[in-house]
Amino acid sequence: MRYLDLLRVLSLPIFGAACYAATFGTAIPVRGTVSDLALDESRGRLYLANFSAGWIDIMNTGNLSFGSPLILPEPPGAIALVPE
């Protein structure tokens, strides 16, 4: 019985540390359902396909602000960037 108690006490730090996920960045709230995103590092823009709103949100990565969205005739399911 003592062996099991010792095993439980020693395993707490190991399993407790595994419960926490690594986090990075800043969470920015977006209205709607984002189905896809594309990062354009050269222009400093993040494009978010907002499926429920029917447009593509454009976020400035420098100051984390949203510009005017690209309104589409149908809801966007995905985004692809083509290099110029």
N, C-alpha and C. Protein backbone atom coordinates (compact mmCIF):
# COMPACT_ATOMS: atom_id res chain seq x y z
N MET A 1 0.82 -1.19 0.00
CA MET A 1 0.00 0.00 0.00
C MET A 1 0.86 1.26 0.00
N ARG A 2 1.95 1.25 0.73
CA ARG A 2 2.83 2.41 0.78
C ARG A 2 3.48 2.68 -0.58
N TYR A 3 3.78 1.60 -1.30
CA TYR A 3 4.40 1.76 -2.61
C TYR A 3 3.47 2.50 -3.56
N LEU A 4 2.18 2.17 -3.55
CA LEU A 4 1.21 2.84 -4.42
C LEU A 4 1.04 4.31 -4.04
N ASP A 5 1.05 4.61 -2.76
CA ASP A 5 0.95 6.01 -2.33
C ASP A 5 2.16 6.80 -2.78
N LEU A 6 3.33 6.23 -2.66
CA LEU A 6 4.55 6.90 -3.09
C LEU A 6 4.54 7.10 -4.60
N LEU A 7 4.07 6.12 -5.34
CA LEU A 7 3.97 6.23 -6.79
C LEU A 7 3.00 7.33 -7.19
N ARG A 8 1.89 7.45 -6.50
CA ARG A 8 0.93 8.52 -6.80
C ARG A 8 1.53 9.90 -6.53
N VAL A 9 2.22 10.05 -5.44
CA VAL A 9 2.81 11.34 -5.09
C VAL A 9 3.89 11.73 -6.09
N LEU A 10 4.70 10.78 -6.51
CA LEU A 10 5.77 11.08 -7.45
C LEU A 10 5.25 11.32 -8.86
N SER A 11 4.12 10.74 -9.22
CA SER A 11 3.60 10.91 -10.58
C SER A 11 2.80 12.19 -10.75
N LEU A 12 2.41 12.87 -9.68
CA LEU A 12 1.63 14.10 -9.80
C LEU A 12 2.33 15.19 -10.59
N PRO A 13 3.62 15.51 -10.32
CA PRO A 13 4.25 16.55 -11.12
C PRO A 13 4.39 16.18 -12.60
N ILE A 14 4.58 14.93 -12.89
CA ILE A 14 4.75 14.49 -14.27
C ILE A 14 3.43 14.64 -15.04
N PHE A 15 2.36 14.09 -14.49
CA PHE A 15 1.07 14.16 -15.18
C PHE A 15 0.46 15.55 -15.09
N GLY A 16 0.74 16.27 -14.03
CA GLY A 16 0.23 17.63 -13.91
C GLY A 16 0.84 18.56 -14.95
N ALA A 17 2.11 18.40 -15.24
CA ALA A 17 2.77 19.23 -16.25
C ALA A 17 2.27 18.90 -17.65
N ALA A 18 1.87 17.68 -17.88
CA ALA A 18 1.38 17.29 -19.20
C ALA A 18 0.00 17.86 -19.51
N CYS A 19 -0.69 18.39 -18.53
CA CYS A 19 -2.04 18.92 -18.74
C CYS A 19 -2.02 20.33 -19.31
N TYR A 20 -0.91 21.00 -19.28
CA TYR A 20 -0.83 22.37 -19.76
C TYR A 20 -0.26 22.41 -21.17
N ALA A 21 -0.96 23.12 -22.07
CA ALA A 21 -0.50 23.25 -23.45
C ALA A 21 0.35 24.50 -23.59
N ALA A 22 1.22 24.49 -24.56
CA ALA A 22 2.04 25.66 -24.84
C ALA A 22 1.17 26.73 -25.50
N THR A 23 1.34 27.95 -25.08
CA THR A 23 0.59 29.06 -25.67
C THR A 23 1.57 30.08 -26.22
N PHE A 24 1.17 30.75 -27.29
CA PHE A 24 1.99 31.80 -27.86
C PHE A 24 1.07 32.79 -28.55
N GLY A 25 1.53 34.01 -28.71
CA GLY A 25 0.76 35.01 -29.42
C GLY A 25 -0.31 35.65 -28.57
N THR A 26 -1.19 36.37 -29.24
CA THR A 26 -2.27 37.09 -28.60
C THR A 26 -3.58 36.68 -29.24
N ALA A 27 -4.57 36.37 -28.43
CA ALA A 27 -5.89 36.01 -28.95
C ALA A 27 -6.64 37.28 -29.35
N ILE A 28 -7.11 37.32 -30.57
CA ILE A 28 -7.87 38.46 -31.10
C ILE A 28 -9.29 37.96 -31.39
N PRO A 29 -10.31 38.57 -30.79
CA PRO A 29 -11.67 38.11 -31.08
C PRO A 29 -12.11 38.49 -32.49
N VAL A 30 -12.76 37.55 -33.15
CA VAL A 30 -13.27 37.76 -34.50
C VAL A 30 -14.75 37.36 -34.48
N ARG A 31 -15.61 38.22 -35.04
CA ARG A 31 -17.03 37.89 -35.11
C ARG A 31 -17.26 36.94 -36.27
N GLY A 32 -18.02 35.88 -36.04
CA GLY A 32 -18.32 34.93 -37.10
C GLY A 32 -17.53 33.65 -36.94
N THR A 33 -17.52 32.86 -38.00
CA THR A 33 -16.84 31.57 -38.02
C THR A 33 -15.70 31.63 -39.01
N VAL A 34 -14.48 31.55 -38.52
CA VAL A 34 -13.30 31.58 -39.38
C VAL A 34 -13.04 30.16 -39.87
N SER A 35 -13.10 29.98 -41.21
CA SER A 35 -12.90 28.64 -41.77
C SER A 35 -11.48 28.42 -42.26
N ASP A 36 -10.74 29.50 -42.55
CA ASP A 36 -9.36 29.36 -43.03
C ASP A 36 -8.64 30.69 -42.83
N LEU A 37 -7.33 30.64 -42.87
CA LEU A 37 -6.55 31.87 -42.77
C LEU A 37 -5.29 31.75 -43.62
N ALA A 38 -4.76 32.91 -44.01
CA ALA A 38 -3.54 32.95 -44.81
C ALA A 38 -2.73 34.15 -44.36
N LEU A 39 -1.44 33.95 -44.15
CA LEU A 39 -0.54 35.00 -43.69
C LEU A 39 0.28 35.51 -44.87
N ASP A 40 0.24 36.83 -45.07
CA ASP A 40 1.07 37.49 -46.09
C ASP A 40 2.11 38.32 -45.33
N GLU A 41 3.26 37.71 -45.08
CA GLU A 41 4.29 38.37 -44.28
C GLU A 41 4.88 39.59 -44.96
N SER A 42 4.99 39.57 -46.28
CA SER A 42 5.60 40.71 -46.98
C SER A 42 4.77 41.98 -46.84
N ARG A 43 3.45 41.84 -46.79
CA ARG A 43 2.58 43.01 -46.63
C ARG A 43 2.13 43.22 -45.19
N GLY A 44 2.42 42.28 -44.32
CA GLY A 44 2.00 42.40 -42.92
C GLY A 44 0.50 42.25 -42.75
N ARG A 45 -0.09 41.31 -43.48
CA ARG A 45 -1.53 41.10 -43.44
C ARG A 45 -1.86 39.65 -43.12
N LEU A 46 -2.94 39.46 -42.39
CA LEU A 46 -3.49 38.14 -42.13
C LEU A 46 -4.90 38.13 -42.68
N TYR A 47 -5.17 37.22 -43.61
CA TYR A 47 -6.48 37.12 -44.24
C TYR A 47 -7.26 35.98 -43.58
N LEU A 48 -8.48 36.28 -43.12
CA LEU A 48 -9.31 35.32 -42.41
C LEU A 48 -10.60 35.09 -43.20
N ALA A 49 -10.83 33.88 -43.64
CA ALA A 49 -12.07 33.55 -44.35
C ALA A 49 -13.18 33.40 -43.33
N ASN A 50 -14.07 34.38 -43.27
CA ASN A 50 -15.18 34.39 -42.31
C ASN A 50 -16.39 33.76 -42.98
N PHE A 51 -16.61 32.48 -42.71
CA PHE A 51 -17.63 31.70 -43.41
C PHE A 51 -19.04 32.20 -43.11
N SER A 52 -19.35 32.44 -41.85
CA SER A 52 -20.72 32.83 -41.50
C SER A 52 -21.06 34.25 -41.92
N ALA A 53 -20.08 35.14 -42.01
CA ALA A 53 -20.34 36.52 -42.41
C ALA A 53 -20.31 36.70 -43.93
N GLY A 54 -19.66 35.79 -44.65
CA GLY A 54 -19.60 35.86 -46.10
C GLY A 54 -18.58 36.84 -46.62
N TRP A 55 -17.50 37.04 -45.89
CA TRP A 55 -16.45 37.93 -46.35
C TRP A 55 -15.09 37.45 -45.86
N ILE A 56 -14.05 38.14 -46.29
CA ILE A 56 -12.68 37.86 -45.83
C ILE A 56 -12.21 39.05 -45.01
N ASP A 57 -11.93 38.80 -43.74
CA ASP A 57 -11.39 39.85 -42.87
C ASP A 57 -9.91 40.02 -43.15
N ILE A 58 -9.45 41.26 -43.12
CA ILE A 58 -8.03 41.57 -43.34
C ILE A 58 -7.50 42.22 -42.07
N MET A 59 -6.53 41.58 -41.45
CA MET A 59 -5.95 42.10 -40.21
C MET A 59 -4.53 42.57 -40.45
N ASN A 60 -4.21 43.75 -39.95
CA ASN A 60 -2.86 44.28 -39.99
C ASN A 60 -2.09 43.64 -38.85
N THR A 61 -1.01 42.92 -39.16
CA THR A 61 -0.26 42.22 -38.11
C THR A 61 0.62 43.16 -37.29
N GLY A 62 0.84 44.37 -37.77
CA GLY A 62 1.66 45.32 -37.02
C GLY A 62 0.96 45.86 -35.79
N ASN A 63 -0.32 46.24 -35.94
CA ASN A 63 -1.04 46.81 -34.80
C ASN A 63 -2.29 46.00 -34.44
N LEU A 64 -2.47 44.82 -35.04
CA LEU A 64 -3.58 43.90 -34.75
C LEU A 64 -4.95 44.54 -34.94
N SER A 65 -5.08 45.38 -35.97
CA SER A 65 -6.37 46.01 -36.26
C SER A 65 -6.95 45.43 -37.55
N PHE A 66 -8.26 45.51 -37.67
CA PHE A 66 -8.95 45.01 -38.86
C PHE A 66 -9.26 46.15 -39.80
N GLY A 67 -9.04 45.92 -41.09
CA GLY A 67 -9.39 46.89 -42.11
C GLY A 67 -10.74 46.54 -42.70
N SER A 68 -11.05 47.11 -43.85
CA SER A 68 -12.31 46.82 -44.53
C SER A 68 -12.29 45.39 -45.06
N PRO A 69 -13.35 44.63 -44.85
CA PRO A 69 -13.37 43.24 -45.33
C PRO A 69 -13.63 43.17 -46.82
N LEU A 70 -13.22 42.06 -47.41
CA LEU A 70 -13.52 41.77 -48.81
C LEU A 70 -14.86 41.02 -48.83
N ILE A 71 -15.91 41.67 -49.30
CA ILE A 71 -17.24 41.07 -49.32
C ILE A 71 -17.36 40.18 -50.55
N LEU A 72 -17.87 38.97 -50.35
CA LEU A 72 -17.95 37.97 -51.41
C LEU A 72 -19.40 37.61 -51.68
N PRO A 73 -19.72 37.14 -52.91
CA PRO A 73 -21.10 36.73 -53.21
C PRO A 73 -21.50 35.44 -52.52
N GLU A 74 -20.54 34.57 -52.20
CA GLU A 74 -20.81 33.31 -51.50
C GLU A 74 -19.83 33.18 -50.34
N PRO A 75 -20.20 32.44 -49.30
CA PRO A 75 -19.31 32.28 -48.15
C PRO A 75 -17.98 31.62 -48.54
N PRO A 76 -16.87 32.17 -48.06
CA PRO A 76 -15.56 31.57 -48.39
C PRO A 76 -15.30 30.33 -47.55
N GLY A 77 -14.82 29.30 -48.19
CA GLY A 77 -14.47 28.07 -47.49
C GLY A 77 -12.99 27.95 -47.23
N ALA A 78 -12.18 28.61 -48.08
CA ALA A 78 -10.72 28.51 -47.97
C ALA A 78 -10.09 29.75 -48.62
N ILE A 79 -8.80 29.93 -48.33
CA ILE A 79 -8.03 31.06 -48.88
C ILE A 79 -6.73 30.49 -49.42
N ALA A 80 -6.28 31.06 -50.53
CA ALA A 80 -4.98 30.72 -51.08
C ALA A 80 -4.32 32.01 -51.57
N LEU A 81 -3.06 32.19 -51.27
CA LEU A 81 -2.29 33.35 -51.74
C LEU A 81 -1.37 32.90 -52.86
N VAL A 82 -1.28 33.72 -53.89
CA VAL A 82 -0.42 33.43 -55.02
C VAL A 82 0.72 34.44 -55.02
N PRO A 83 1.98 33.99 -55.01
CA PRO A 83 3.09 34.95 -55.02
C PRO A 83 3.13 35.73 -56.33
N GLU A 84 3.50 37.00 -56.22
CA GLU A 84 3.58 37.84 -57.42
C GLU A 84 4.95 37.79 -58.02
